[in-house]
């Protein structure tokens, strides 16, 4: 009876190298930006009249792979909010048009001028 040698176990995958300080800084900068944008979106949802200032960040580079899902969810929420605002804008324009149409048909009632010299 001959025995075949047992298969050798597969080598464990080597761990990924630790991120460089630049990669850590890059990720932290993106996390801070996403935190800020999420906070602004929540504040705008809670108080639609709130005015939130924003300026485009410079020098961030591409979104780190591990933050793409979070950035995508934020983008989807922003697109939903834009659609809501556009719907509200259209409804407001329709109401304004109706008010103007009513106002245009109105005839003045009573005296327009008062002769105070008589």
Protein backbone atom coordinates (compact mmCIF):
# COMPACT_ATOMS: atom_id res chain seq x y z
CA UNK A 1 0.00 0.00 0.00
CA UNK A 2 1.48 3.19 -1.05
CA UNK A 3 0.46 6.43 0.50
CA UNK A 4 0.39 9.61 -1.46
CA UNK A 5 1.82 12.63 0.30
CA UNK A 6 -0.77 14.98 1.73
CA UNK A 7 -1.15 18.16 -0.27
CA UNK A 8 0.74 21.03 1.24
CA UNK A 9 -1.43 23.81 2.62
CA UNK A 10 -1.73 26.91 0.46
CA UNK A 11 0.40 29.75 1.68
CA UNK A 12 -1.51 32.42 3.54
CA UNK A 13 -1.96 35.59 1.53
CA UNK A 14 0.58 38.17 2.48
CA UNK A 15 -0.92 41.09 4.37
CA UNK A 16 -1.25 44.35 2.51
CA UNK A 17 1.53 46.78 3.27
CA UNK A 18 0.76 49.52 5.74
CA UNK A 19 -0.42 52.73 4.05
CA UNK A 20 2.13 55.48 3.65
CA UNK A 21 1.72 58.74 5.59
CA UNK A 22 0.64 60.41 2.33
CA UNK A 23 -2.09 57.79 1.81
CA UNK A 24 -3.29 58.28 5.38
CA UNK A 25 -3.39 62.07 4.91
CA UNK A 26 -5.24 61.62 1.60
CA UNK A 27 -7.85 59.39 3.20
CA UNK A 28 -8.26 61.72 6.20
CA UNK A 29 -8.76 64.70 3.87
CA UNK A 30 -11.48 62.82 1.98
CA UNK A 31 -13.14 61.65 5.21
CA UNK A 32 -13.21 65.25 6.47
CA UNK A 33 -14.77 66.45 3.21
CA UNK A 34 -17.40 63.69 3.22
CA UNK A 35 -18.18 64.41 6.90
CA UNK A 36 -18.69 68.08 6.06
CA UNK A 37 -20.90 67.36 3.05
CA UNK A 38 -23.00 64.84 4.99
CA UNK A 39 -23.41 67.34 7.83
CA UNK A 40 -24.49 70.07 5.38
CA UNK A 41 -26.98 67.71 3.71
CA UNK A 42 -28.48 66.76 7.08
CA UNK A 43 -28.74 70.41 8.09
CA UNK A 44 -30.40 71.30 4.78
CA UNK A 45 -32.89 68.45 5.24
CA UNK A 46 -33.72 69.60 8.78
CA UNK A 47 -34.03 73.26 7.75
CA UNK A 48 -34.60 73.75 4.00
CA UNK A 49 -34.16 77.52 4.39
CA UNK A 50 -30.63 77.11 5.77
CA UNK A 51 -27.99 78.56 3.50
CA UNK A 52 -24.87 76.48 3.31
CA UNK A 53 -21.76 77.98 1.77
CA UNK A 54 -19.51 75.71 -0.20
CA UNK A 55 -16.36 75.97 -2.24
CA UNK A 56 -14.76 73.28 -4.31
CA UNK A 57 -11.88 71.58 -2.51
CA UNK A 58 -8.54 71.65 -4.25
CA UNK A 59 -5.85 69.02 -4.46
CA UNK A 60 -7.73 66.02 -3.09
CA UNK A 61 -7.10 63.70 -5.98
CA UNK A 62 -9.23 60.60 -6.57
CA UNK A 63 -11.55 59.20 -3.92
CA UNK A 64 -9.84 56.39 -1.99
CA UNK A 65 -11.30 53.00 -2.96
CA UNK A 66 -12.59 52.32 0.56
CA UNK A 67 -14.59 55.59 0.52
CA UNK A 68 -16.21 55.19 -2.92
CA UNK A 69 -19.40 53.62 -1.50
CA UNK A 70 -19.83 56.45 0.99
CA UNK A 71 -19.20 59.09 -1.68
CA UNK A 72 -21.68 57.36 -4.02
CA UNK A 73 -24.40 57.34 -1.36
CA UNK A 74 -23.81 61.04 -0.71
CA UNK A 75 -23.99 61.78 -4.44
CA UNK A 76 -27.28 59.87 -4.71
CA UNK A 77 -28.71 61.84 -1.78
CA UNK A 78 -27.63 65.11 -3.40
CA UNK A 79 -29.24 64.11 -6.69
CA UNK A 80 -32.47 63.25 -4.86
CA UNK A 81 -32.40 66.67 -3.17
CA UNK A 82 -31.81 68.40 -6.52
CA UNK A 83 -34.85 66.58 -7.95
CA UNK A 84 -36.97 67.71 -4.96
CA UNK A 85 -35.84 71.31 -5.38
CA UNK A 86 -36.54 71.22 -9.11
CA UNK A 87 -40.04 69.87 -8.44
CA UNK A 88 -40.65 72.61 -5.86
CA UNK A 89 -39.37 75.25 -8.31
CA UNK A 90 -41.75 74.05 -11.04
CA UNK A 91 -44.72 74.07 -8.63
CA UNK A 92 -43.82 77.58 -7.48
CA UNK A 93 -43.63 78.81 -11.09
CA UNK A 94 -47.04 77.27 -11.82
CA UNK A 95 -48.55 78.98 -8.78
CA UNK A 96 -46.96 82.29 -9.72
CA UNK A 97 -48.32 81.96 -13.25
CA UNK A 98 -51.82 81.30 -11.88
CA UNK A 99 -51.61 84.34 -9.59
CA UNK A 100 -50.47 86.55 -12.44
CA UNK A 101 -53.32 85.29 -14.64
CA UNK A 102 -55.87 86.16 -11.93
CA UNK A 103 -54.29 89.54 -11.30
CA UNK A 104 -54.39 90.39 -15.04
CA UNK A 105 -58.16 89.88 -15.21
CA UNK A 106 -58.89 92.04 -12.20
CA UNK A 107 -60.53 95.39 -12.94
CA UNK A 108 -60.00 98.28 -10.59
CA UNK A 109 -62.90 98.78 -8.21
CA UNK A 110 -63.78 102.25 -7.11
CA UNK A 111 -61.89 105.44 -7.75
CA UNK A 112 -58.39 105.26 -8.93
CA UNK A 113 -57.69 108.94 -8.27
CA UNK A 114 -59.00 111.07 -5.46
CA UNK A 115 -59.52 114.76 -6.26
CA UNK A 116 -58.57 116.38 -2.98
CA UNK A 117 -58.82 119.93 -4.39
CA UNK A 118 -62.62 119.92 -4.73
